[in-house]
N, C-alpha and C. Protein backbone atom coordinates (compact mmCIF):
# COMPACT_ATOMS: atom_id res chain seq x y z
N MET A 1 1.05 26.09 13.38
CA MET A 1 0.53 24.73 13.41
C MET A 1 1.21 23.91 12.34
N SER A 2 1.74 22.70 12.72
CA SER A 2 2.46 21.92 11.68
C SER A 2 1.51 21.06 10.96
N ILE A 3 1.93 20.75 9.71
CA ILE A 3 1.10 19.91 8.86
C ILE A 3 1.31 18.45 9.28
N THR A 4 0.22 17.76 9.45
CA THR A 4 0.35 16.32 9.97
C THR A 4 0.14 15.29 8.90
N SER A 5 -0.27 15.70 7.67
CA SER A 5 -0.38 14.73 6.58
C SER A 5 -0.18 15.33 5.27
N ALA A 6 0.11 14.56 4.24
CA ALA A 6 0.19 15.07 2.85
C ALA A 6 -0.44 13.97 2.02
N ILE A 7 -1.37 14.37 1.12
CA ILE A 7 -2.11 13.44 0.26
C ILE A 7 -1.28 12.82 -0.77
N ILE A 8 -1.36 11.48 -0.84
CA ILE A 8 -0.88 10.68 -1.94
C ILE A 8 -2.04 10.42 -2.90
N ASP A 9 -3.09 10.00 -2.45
CA ASP A 9 -4.35 9.85 -3.20
C ASP A 9 -5.56 10.02 -2.30
N ASP A 10 -6.44 10.97 -2.73
CA ASP A 10 -7.70 11.11 -2.05
C ASP A 10 -8.92 10.84 -2.95
N LEU A 11 -8.66 10.09 -4.03
CA LEU A 11 -9.70 9.77 -5.00
C LEU A 11 -10.38 10.94 -5.57
N SER A 12 -9.70 12.10 -5.66
CA SER A 12 -10.30 13.30 -6.23
C SER A 12 -10.24 13.32 -7.79
N ARG A 13 -9.31 12.43 -8.28
CA ARG A 13 -9.19 12.28 -9.77
C ARG A 13 -9.89 10.99 -10.22
N GLU A 14 -10.12 10.85 -11.51
CA GLU A 14 -10.82 9.70 -11.97
C GLU A 14 -9.77 8.47 -11.94
N PRO A 15 -10.06 7.52 -11.02
CA PRO A 15 -9.18 6.39 -11.03
C PRO A 15 -9.11 5.71 -12.33
N PRO A 16 -7.92 5.18 -12.75
CA PRO A 16 -6.78 4.82 -11.89
C PRO A 16 -5.76 5.91 -11.67
N ILE A 17 -6.09 7.24 -11.97
CA ILE A 17 -5.14 8.27 -11.78
C ILE A 17 -5.26 8.75 -10.34
N ALA A 18 -4.19 8.71 -9.62
CA ALA A 18 -4.10 9.19 -8.33
C ALA A 18 -3.94 10.69 -8.21
N ALA A 19 -4.16 11.24 -7.11
CA ALA A 19 -4.09 12.70 -6.92
C ALA A 19 -2.67 13.21 -7.24
N ILE A 20 -1.65 12.43 -7.05
CA ILE A 20 -0.26 12.84 -7.36
C ILE A 20 0.07 12.66 -8.86
N GLY A 21 -0.88 12.14 -9.61
CA GLY A 21 -0.70 12.06 -11.07
C GLY A 21 -0.22 10.67 -11.57
N SER A 22 0.26 9.80 -10.65
CA SER A 22 0.57 8.41 -11.12
C SER A 22 -0.67 7.56 -11.28
N ASN A 23 -0.54 6.43 -11.98
CA ASN A 23 -1.58 5.56 -12.19
C ASN A 23 -1.55 4.31 -11.28
N TRP A 24 -2.58 3.97 -10.65
CA TRP A 24 -2.70 2.66 -9.94
C TRP A 24 -2.59 1.59 -10.87
N GLN A 25 -1.97 0.44 -10.53
CA GLN A 25 -1.80 -0.69 -11.32
C GLN A 25 -2.21 -1.96 -10.55
N LEU A 26 -2.80 -2.89 -11.27
CA LEU A 26 -3.16 -4.17 -10.66
C LEU A 26 -2.12 -5.22 -10.97
N LEU A 27 -1.44 -5.91 -10.04
CA LEU A 27 -0.52 -6.86 -10.26
C LEU A 27 -0.89 -8.13 -9.58
N THR A 28 -0.66 -9.34 -10.19
CA THR A 28 -0.90 -10.60 -9.51
C THR A 28 0.25 -11.48 -9.69
N ASP A 29 0.29 -12.65 -8.99
CA ASP A 29 1.32 -13.58 -9.10
C ASP A 29 1.43 -14.25 -10.47
N GLN A 30 0.51 -13.95 -11.41
CA GLN A 30 0.54 -14.46 -12.79
C GLN A 30 1.80 -13.98 -13.49
N VAL A 31 2.41 -12.81 -13.07
CA VAL A 31 3.70 -12.39 -13.66
C VAL A 31 4.77 -13.38 -13.43
N MET A 32 4.66 -14.31 -12.45
CA MET A 32 5.67 -15.29 -12.13
C MET A 32 5.14 -16.72 -12.19
N GLY A 33 4.04 -16.95 -12.92
CA GLY A 33 3.53 -18.26 -13.11
C GLY A 33 2.37 -18.71 -12.11
N GLY A 34 2.01 -17.84 -11.23
CA GLY A 34 0.95 -18.12 -10.27
C GLY A 34 -0.37 -18.08 -10.99
N VAL A 35 -1.46 -18.39 -10.20
CA VAL A 35 -2.81 -18.43 -10.84
C VAL A 35 -3.83 -17.56 -10.09
N SER A 36 -3.36 -16.67 -9.15
CA SER A 36 -4.15 -15.76 -8.51
C SER A 36 -4.83 -14.81 -9.52
N LYS A 37 -6.09 -14.43 -9.23
CA LYS A 37 -6.73 -13.52 -10.13
C LYS A 37 -7.32 -12.44 -9.28
N GLY A 38 -7.30 -11.16 -9.98
CA GLY A 38 -7.80 -10.00 -9.31
C GLY A 38 -8.38 -8.98 -10.20
N THR A 39 -9.07 -8.05 -9.64
CA THR A 39 -9.61 -6.87 -10.29
C THR A 39 -9.32 -5.63 -9.49
N MET A 40 -9.21 -4.46 -10.21
CA MET A 40 -9.10 -3.22 -9.57
C MET A 40 -10.18 -2.23 -10.28
N VAL A 41 -11.01 -1.74 -9.52
CA VAL A 41 -12.15 -0.90 -10.04
C VAL A 41 -12.31 0.31 -9.17
N SER A 42 -12.91 1.34 -9.83
CA SER A 42 -13.39 2.52 -9.11
C SER A 42 -14.77 2.16 -8.57
N ASP A 43 -15.04 2.38 -7.34
CA ASP A 43 -16.30 1.93 -6.73
C ASP A 43 -16.63 2.79 -5.62
N ALA A 44 -17.93 2.86 -5.28
CA ALA A 44 -18.37 3.57 -4.09
C ALA A 44 -18.60 2.47 -3.03
N VAL A 45 -18.01 2.67 -1.83
CA VAL A 45 -18.19 1.71 -0.73
C VAL A 45 -18.56 2.42 0.54
N ALA A 46 -19.67 2.15 1.01
CA ALA A 46 -20.21 2.75 2.27
C ALA A 46 -20.19 4.30 2.21
N GLY A 47 -20.57 4.84 0.94
CA GLY A 47 -20.69 6.25 0.76
C GLY A 47 -19.48 6.96 0.37
N ARG A 48 -18.35 6.29 0.12
CA ARG A 48 -17.10 6.90 -0.22
C ARG A 48 -16.60 6.35 -1.61
N PRO A 49 -15.91 7.31 -2.44
CA PRO A 49 -15.32 6.78 -3.59
C PRO A 49 -14.09 5.98 -3.23
N THR A 50 -13.79 4.88 -3.99
CA THR A 50 -12.66 4.10 -3.62
C THR A 50 -11.93 3.58 -4.88
N ILE A 51 -10.78 3.11 -4.58
CA ILE A 51 -10.08 2.08 -5.51
C ILE A 51 -10.27 0.80 -4.78
N ARG A 52 -10.91 -0.14 -5.41
CA ARG A 52 -11.31 -1.38 -4.84
C ARG A 52 -10.57 -2.59 -5.50
N MET A 53 -9.81 -3.35 -4.70
CA MET A 53 -9.09 -4.55 -5.13
C MET A 53 -9.90 -5.78 -4.63
N ARG A 54 -10.24 -6.64 -5.56
CA ARG A 54 -10.89 -7.90 -5.23
C ARG A 54 -10.09 -8.98 -5.96
N GLY A 55 -10.13 -10.18 -5.38
CA GLY A 55 -9.52 -11.28 -6.13
C GLY A 55 -9.44 -12.54 -5.25
N ASP A 56 -8.98 -13.59 -5.95
CA ASP A 56 -8.83 -14.85 -5.30
C ASP A 56 -7.34 -15.15 -5.28
N VAL A 57 -6.80 -15.25 -4.07
CA VAL A 57 -5.40 -15.43 -3.90
C VAL A 57 -5.21 -16.97 -3.80
N SER A 58 -4.38 -17.46 -4.64
CA SER A 58 -4.13 -18.96 -4.67
C SER A 58 -2.65 -19.18 -4.43
N LEU A 59 -2.37 -20.33 -3.73
CA LEU A 59 -0.97 -20.64 -3.47
C LEU A 59 -0.39 -21.62 -4.56
N GLU A 60 -1.26 -22.06 -5.46
CA GLU A 60 -0.87 -22.94 -6.60
C GLU A 60 0.20 -22.34 -7.42
N ASN A 61 1.10 -23.29 -7.98
CA ASN A 61 2.22 -22.84 -8.77
C ASN A 61 3.15 -21.77 -8.14
N ASN A 62 3.37 -21.92 -6.86
CA ASN A 62 4.19 -21.03 -6.08
C ASN A 62 3.80 -19.66 -6.08
N GLY A 63 2.41 -19.36 -6.24
CA GLY A 63 1.91 -18.02 -6.24
C GLY A 63 1.45 -17.65 -4.84
N GLY A 64 0.58 -16.58 -4.85
CA GLY A 64 0.07 -16.15 -3.53
C GLY A 64 -0.06 -14.72 -3.43
N PHE A 65 -0.37 -13.89 -4.47
CA PHE A 65 -0.64 -12.50 -4.14
C PHE A 65 -1.48 -11.83 -5.27
N VAL A 66 -2.23 -10.84 -4.77
CA VAL A 66 -2.95 -9.86 -5.65
C VAL A 66 -2.56 -8.50 -5.06
N GLN A 67 -2.27 -7.54 -5.96
CA GLN A 67 -1.74 -6.21 -5.44
C GLN A 67 -2.20 -5.11 -6.26
N ILE A 68 -2.48 -3.97 -5.60
CA ILE A 68 -2.61 -2.70 -6.26
C ILE A 68 -1.43 -1.92 -5.93
N ALA A 69 -0.70 -1.24 -6.92
CA ALA A 69 0.44 -0.54 -6.63
C ALA A 69 0.45 0.80 -7.29
N LEU A 70 1.24 1.68 -6.68
CA LEU A 70 1.27 3.12 -7.15
C LEU A 70 2.72 3.68 -7.07
N ASP A 71 3.28 4.13 -8.23
CA ASP A 71 4.52 4.85 -8.12
C ASP A 71 4.24 6.21 -7.47
N LEU A 72 5.14 6.52 -6.50
CA LEU A 72 4.97 7.76 -5.76
C LEU A 72 5.37 8.99 -6.50
N SER A 73 6.02 8.83 -7.67
CA SER A 73 6.33 9.96 -8.48
C SER A 73 5.73 9.64 -9.94
N PRO A 74 5.06 10.56 -10.60
CA PRO A 74 4.50 10.19 -11.90
C PRO A 74 5.65 9.81 -12.90
N ASP A 75 6.86 10.20 -12.73
CA ASP A 75 7.93 9.80 -13.66
C ASP A 75 8.63 8.54 -13.31
N GLY A 76 8.09 7.88 -12.22
CA GLY A 76 8.76 6.65 -11.73
C GLY A 76 9.96 6.86 -10.95
N GLY A 77 10.30 8.13 -10.69
CA GLY A 77 11.51 8.43 -9.85
C GLY A 77 11.24 8.32 -8.34
N VAL A 78 12.24 8.80 -7.57
CA VAL A 78 12.06 8.70 -6.11
C VAL A 78 11.42 9.87 -5.48
N VAL A 79 10.81 9.66 -4.32
CA VAL A 79 10.22 10.71 -3.52
C VAL A 79 10.94 10.75 -2.19
N ASP A 80 11.29 11.89 -1.70
CA ASP A 80 11.79 12.09 -0.38
C ASP A 80 10.68 12.21 0.63
N ALA A 81 10.42 11.16 1.41
CA ALA A 81 9.46 11.18 2.43
C ALA A 81 10.04 11.25 3.89
N SER A 82 11.30 11.68 3.95
CA SER A 82 11.91 11.69 5.22
C SER A 82 11.40 12.70 6.18
N ALA A 83 10.55 13.64 5.77
CA ALA A 83 9.92 14.60 6.68
C ALA A 83 8.65 13.98 7.35
N TRP A 84 8.28 12.83 6.86
CA TRP A 84 7.09 12.15 7.39
C TRP A 84 7.48 10.91 8.18
N SER A 85 6.62 10.58 9.14
CA SER A 85 6.91 9.38 9.98
C SER A 85 6.22 8.13 9.49
N GLY A 86 5.41 8.18 8.45
CA GLY A 86 4.83 6.91 8.01
C GLY A 86 3.73 7.17 6.98
N ILE A 87 2.99 6.09 6.70
CA ILE A 87 1.87 6.09 5.81
C ILE A 87 0.51 5.95 6.55
N GLU A 88 -0.46 6.62 6.05
CA GLU A 88 -1.84 6.54 6.67
C GLU A 88 -2.81 6.28 5.56
N LEU A 89 -3.67 5.17 5.80
CA LEU A 89 -4.63 4.90 4.75
C LEU A 89 -5.99 4.70 5.32
N ASP A 90 -7.03 5.06 4.60
CA ASP A 90 -8.42 4.84 4.98
C ASP A 90 -8.90 3.56 4.19
N VAL A 91 -9.30 2.56 4.92
CA VAL A 91 -9.65 1.30 4.31
C VAL A 91 -10.92 0.74 4.81
N PHE A 92 -11.47 -0.10 4.00
CA PHE A 92 -12.68 -0.85 4.31
C PHE A 92 -12.56 -2.25 3.74
N GLY A 93 -12.82 -3.27 4.48
CA GLY A 93 -12.64 -4.64 4.05
C GLY A 93 -13.53 -5.59 4.61
N THR A 94 -13.13 -6.90 4.80
CA THR A 94 -13.94 -7.87 5.31
C THR A 94 -13.38 -8.50 6.54
N GLY A 95 -12.47 -7.78 7.21
CA GLY A 95 -11.87 -8.34 8.40
C GLY A 95 -10.57 -9.13 8.22
N ASP A 96 -10.08 -9.03 6.85
CA ASP A 96 -8.85 -9.78 6.55
C ASP A 96 -7.62 -8.93 6.80
N ASP A 97 -6.50 -9.59 6.92
CA ASP A 97 -5.14 -8.89 6.95
C ASP A 97 -4.61 -8.66 5.54
N TYR A 98 -4.05 -7.48 5.34
CA TYR A 98 -3.35 -7.10 4.05
C TYR A 98 -1.97 -6.53 4.41
N GLY A 99 -1.23 -6.37 3.34
CA GLY A 99 0.08 -5.79 3.56
C GLY A 99 0.28 -4.47 2.88
N VAL A 100 1.09 -3.67 3.36
CA VAL A 100 1.59 -2.50 2.57
C VAL A 100 3.08 -2.84 2.36
N HIS A 101 3.45 -2.75 1.07
CA HIS A 101 4.87 -3.04 0.68
C HIS A 101 5.39 -1.64 0.06
N LEU A 102 6.50 -1.29 0.59
CA LEU A 102 7.19 -0.13 0.05
C LEU A 102 8.48 -0.55 -0.63
N ARG A 103 8.80 0.17 -1.71
CA ARG A 103 10.02 -0.12 -2.49
C ARG A 103 10.80 1.20 -2.69
N THR A 104 12.12 1.09 -2.63
CA THR A 104 12.95 2.19 -2.93
C THR A 104 13.75 1.93 -4.21
N ASP A 105 14.56 2.85 -4.64
CA ASP A 105 15.34 2.66 -5.82
C ASP A 105 16.60 1.75 -5.51
N ALA A 106 16.80 1.46 -4.22
CA ALA A 106 17.95 0.58 -3.96
C ALA A 106 17.56 -0.95 -4.09
N LEU A 107 16.26 -1.28 -4.22
CA LEU A 107 15.90 -2.65 -4.46
C LEU A 107 15.97 -2.95 -5.91
N THR A 108 16.59 -4.06 -6.26
CA THR A 108 16.74 -4.45 -7.63
C THR A 108 15.94 -5.68 -8.00
N ARG A 109 15.43 -6.48 -7.07
CA ARG A 109 14.67 -7.69 -7.38
C ARG A 109 13.21 -7.38 -7.10
N PRO A 110 12.33 -7.92 -7.91
CA PRO A 110 10.83 -7.71 -7.71
C PRO A 110 10.29 -8.22 -6.36
N TRP A 111 10.95 -9.20 -5.79
CA TRP A 111 10.46 -9.77 -4.58
C TRP A 111 10.95 -9.05 -3.29
N GLN A 112 11.73 -8.06 -3.48
CA GLN A 112 12.30 -7.34 -2.30
C GLN A 112 11.33 -6.12 -2.00
N SER A 113 11.11 -5.89 -0.73
CA SER A 113 10.30 -4.77 -0.31
C SER A 113 10.45 -4.56 1.23
N TYR A 114 9.80 -3.56 1.74
CA TYR A 114 9.67 -3.24 3.11
C TYR A 114 8.21 -3.48 3.52
N ARG A 115 7.91 -4.27 4.47
CA ARG A 115 6.51 -4.75 4.70
C ARG A 115 5.94 -4.42 6.07
N GLN A 116 4.57 -4.21 6.06
CA GLN A 116 3.93 -4.08 7.29
C GLN A 116 2.54 -4.50 7.03
N THR A 117 1.86 -5.16 7.98
CA THR A 117 0.50 -5.68 7.78
C THR A 117 -0.53 -4.75 8.52
N PHE A 118 -1.72 -4.89 8.12
CA PHE A 118 -2.89 -4.17 8.72
C PHE A 118 -4.10 -5.03 8.56
N LYS A 119 -5.10 -4.72 9.42
CA LYS A 119 -6.48 -5.41 9.25
C LYS A 119 -7.46 -4.44 8.67
N ALA A 120 -8.20 -4.88 7.66
CA ALA A 120 -9.19 -4.08 7.04
C ALA A 120 -10.55 -4.55 7.49
N ASP A 121 -11.20 -3.89 8.47
CA ASP A 121 -12.43 -4.28 9.05
C ASP A 121 -13.55 -3.89 8.11
N ALA A 122 -14.77 -4.37 8.45
CA ALA A 122 -16.01 -4.14 7.63
C ALA A 122 -16.64 -2.83 8.02
N GLU A 123 -15.77 -1.85 8.26
CA GLU A 123 -16.17 -0.41 8.43
C GLU A 123 -14.96 0.47 8.06
N TRP A 124 -15.26 1.76 7.76
CA TRP A 124 -14.16 2.63 7.40
C TRP A 124 -13.25 2.83 8.67
N ARG A 125 -12.00 2.72 8.38
CA ARG A 125 -11.02 2.87 9.46
C ARG A 125 -9.75 3.51 8.92
N THR A 126 -9.10 4.30 9.67
CA THR A 126 -7.87 4.96 9.34
C THR A 126 -6.77 4.05 10.06
N VAL A 127 -5.78 3.65 9.13
CA VAL A 127 -4.66 2.80 9.63
C VAL A 127 -3.38 3.64 9.54
N GLN A 128 -2.64 3.69 10.60
CA GLN A 128 -1.36 4.42 10.61
C GLN A 128 -0.25 3.40 10.69
N LEU A 129 0.73 3.54 9.69
CA LEU A 129 1.83 2.61 9.62
C LEU A 129 3.15 3.28 9.69
N PRO A 130 3.81 3.48 10.90
CA PRO A 130 5.10 4.14 10.98
C PRO A 130 6.15 3.55 10.13
N PHE A 131 7.03 4.36 9.52
CA PHE A 131 8.10 3.85 8.67
C PHE A 131 8.97 2.97 9.49
N ASP A 132 9.22 3.24 10.78
CA ASP A 132 10.18 2.41 11.56
C ASP A 132 9.59 1.09 11.95
N HIS A 133 8.42 0.73 11.56
CA HIS A 133 7.82 -0.57 11.79
C HIS A 133 7.81 -1.47 10.57
N PHE A 134 8.21 -0.92 9.40
CA PHE A 134 8.37 -1.70 8.15
C PHE A 134 9.58 -2.61 8.28
N ILE A 135 9.35 -3.85 7.86
CA ILE A 135 10.37 -4.86 7.95
C ILE A 135 10.94 -5.16 6.61
N PRO A 136 12.32 -5.18 6.44
CA PRO A 136 12.90 -5.47 5.09
C PRO A 136 12.53 -7.01 4.78
N HIS A 137 12.21 -7.19 3.54
CA HIS A 137 11.82 -8.52 3.08
C HIS A 137 12.78 -8.88 1.94
N ARG A 138 13.56 -9.92 2.20
CA ARG A 138 14.54 -10.41 1.17
C ARG A 138 15.57 -9.40 0.68
N THR A 139 15.99 -8.63 1.71
CA THR A 139 17.05 -7.61 1.51
C THR A 139 17.66 -7.26 2.83
N ASP A 140 18.88 -6.95 2.80
CA ASP A 140 19.65 -6.47 4.02
C ASP A 140 19.70 -4.95 4.04
N ILE A 141 19.22 -4.30 2.98
CA ILE A 141 19.32 -2.90 2.92
C ILE A 141 18.15 -2.28 3.82
N GLN A 142 18.49 -1.36 4.68
CA GLN A 142 17.52 -0.69 5.54
C GLN A 142 16.65 0.33 4.74
N LEU A 143 15.40 0.47 5.17
CA LEU A 143 14.52 1.44 4.48
C LEU A 143 15.05 2.88 4.57
N ASP A 144 15.20 3.45 3.39
CA ASP A 144 15.67 4.88 3.22
C ASP A 144 14.48 5.62 2.77
N THR A 145 13.79 6.36 3.68
CA THR A 145 12.72 7.21 3.26
C THR A 145 12.98 8.32 2.37
N HIS A 146 14.19 8.61 2.20
CA HIS A 146 14.64 9.64 1.24
C HIS A 146 14.46 9.18 -0.21
N ARG A 147 14.27 7.84 -0.42
CA ARG A 147 14.42 7.29 -1.73
C ARG A 147 13.26 6.33 -2.04
N LEU A 148 11.96 6.68 -1.63
CA LEU A 148 10.80 5.86 -1.81
C LEU A 148 10.42 5.97 -3.32
N ARG A 149 9.96 4.82 -3.88
CA ARG A 149 9.59 4.73 -5.25
C ARG A 149 8.16 4.35 -5.44
N ARG A 150 7.70 3.30 -4.71
CA ARG A 150 6.46 2.73 -4.96
C ARG A 150 5.79 2.23 -3.64
N ILE A 151 4.43 2.17 -3.63
CA ILE A 151 3.75 1.57 -2.51
C ILE A 151 2.76 0.60 -3.15
N GLY A 152 2.53 -0.49 -2.49
CA GLY A 152 1.60 -1.53 -2.85
C GLY A 152 0.76 -1.94 -1.79
N LEU A 153 -0.55 -2.22 -1.98
CA LEU A 153 -1.47 -2.76 -1.02
C LEU A 153 -1.67 -4.12 -1.54
N VAL A 154 -1.41 -5.18 -0.67
CA VAL A 154 -1.25 -6.54 -1.08
C VAL A 154 -2.06 -7.51 -0.32
N ALA A 155 -2.75 -8.38 -0.99
CA ALA A 155 -3.35 -9.60 -0.42
C ALA A 155 -2.34 -10.72 -0.71
N ILE A 156 -1.79 -11.32 0.40
CA ILE A 156 -0.61 -12.18 0.11
C ILE A 156 -0.50 -13.25 1.16
N GLY A 157 0.12 -14.42 0.70
CA GLY A 157 0.55 -15.47 1.56
C GLY A 157 -0.36 -16.51 2.04
N ARG A 158 -1.65 -16.44 1.67
CA ARG A 158 -2.55 -17.47 2.03
C ARG A 158 -3.75 -17.41 1.07
N ALA A 159 -4.33 -18.59 0.82
CA ALA A 159 -5.49 -18.68 -0.08
C ALA A 159 -6.72 -18.04 0.60
N PHE A 160 -7.18 -17.01 -0.10
CA PHE A 160 -8.48 -16.36 0.44
C PHE A 160 -9.02 -15.47 -0.61
N SER A 161 -10.30 -15.04 -0.43
CA SER A 161 -10.90 -14.05 -1.41
C SER A 161 -10.72 -12.63 -0.77
N ALA A 162 -9.91 -11.84 -1.49
CA ALA A 162 -9.60 -10.52 -1.10
C ALA A 162 -10.64 -9.49 -1.55
N ASP A 163 -10.89 -8.55 -0.67
CA ASP A 163 -11.78 -7.51 -0.95
C ASP A 163 -11.40 -6.30 -0.07
N LEU A 164 -10.63 -5.36 -0.71
CA LEU A 164 -10.08 -4.22 0.03
C LEU A 164 -10.45 -2.98 -0.73
N ALA A 165 -11.08 -2.02 -0.05
CA ALA A 165 -11.43 -0.71 -0.55
C ALA A 165 -10.49 0.32 0.08
N LEU A 166 -9.85 1.20 -0.76
CA LEU A 166 -8.98 2.25 -0.27
C LEU A 166 -9.67 3.55 -0.57
N GLY A 167 -9.89 4.33 0.46
CA GLY A 167 -10.57 5.61 0.35
C GLY A 167 -9.61 6.79 0.32
N ALA A 168 -8.41 6.66 0.84
CA ALA A 168 -7.40 7.71 0.89
C ALA A 168 -6.07 7.07 1.34
N LEU A 169 -4.96 7.75 0.86
CA LEU A 169 -3.62 7.34 1.15
C LEU A 169 -2.86 8.62 1.38
N ARG A 170 -2.13 8.69 2.51
CA ARG A 170 -1.38 9.90 2.86
C ARG A 170 0.00 9.51 3.55
N PHE A 171 0.87 10.40 3.36
CA PHE A 171 2.08 10.42 4.23
C PHE A 171 1.53 11.05 5.49
N MET A 172 2.08 10.64 6.71
CA MET A 172 1.60 11.22 7.97
C MET A 172 2.78 11.50 8.89
N ARG A 173 2.59 12.38 9.77
CA ARG A 173 3.56 12.78 10.77
C ARG A 173 3.01 12.44 12.12
N LEU A 174 3.56 11.55 12.95
CA LEU A 174 3.08 11.30 14.24
C LEU A 174 3.56 12.28 15.22
N PRO A 175 2.72 12.62 16.20
CA PRO A 175 3.22 13.56 17.20
C PRO A 175 4.46 13.01 17.92
N ARG A 176 5.38 13.77 18.32
CA ARG A 176 6.61 13.32 18.90
C ARG A 176 6.42 12.31 20.03
N SER A 177 5.46 12.57 20.93
CA SER A 177 5.28 11.60 22.04
C SER A 177 4.77 10.24 21.57
N VAL A 178 3.96 10.12 20.47
CA VAL A 178 3.56 8.85 19.99
C VAL A 178 4.74 8.18 19.30
N LYS A 179 5.46 8.89 18.57
CA LYS A 179 6.66 8.38 17.82
C LYS A 179 7.74 7.81 18.85
N GLU A 180 7.93 8.49 19.94
CA GLU A 180 8.89 7.98 20.90
C GLU A 180 8.43 6.76 21.57
N THR A 181 7.17 6.60 21.83
CA THR A 181 6.64 5.44 22.50
C THR A 181 6.49 4.24 21.59
N SER A 182 6.50 4.48 20.22
CA SER A 182 6.31 3.38 19.25
C SER A 182 7.58 2.70 18.90
N SER A 183 8.72 3.28 19.20
CA SER A 183 9.97 2.80 18.85
C SER A 183 10.41 1.58 19.63
């Protein structure tokens, strides 16, 4: 039987420390002059331990994001995720859309990433995001899953009150028939 997922974070350690040993970080557009505000806390949501991101996303001063991010290697180096077909996360929210942003060591500017969106409903749900559906943002370099560095969960691009709970984060492998039909 083949392994179909590998834990990145299952909230088994005391947040902000992820199961892989890296620390979750809260980032907002204030690093570039924006005024969005956010918090990241360890919380229980609907009976599950979570990392919870809340905040007010503002478009003032050319801003527009609140993010929780995790280096995929505790030393900040790269991780080879080429054996996996994507990212899987267990989320709970308020019905809003959020983004998953991936970074590799080939990206040199902070605004560059590979992006995919998902909806976080007001119930626990597992979201599967295949690597081949991530879109390069402000880069011509294609996503190289041999060289992943960081993952971010992002409230971005519109003014709203973000509330996203993450219960688990995994690399996942889609069955061959699903992978072939999603291309």
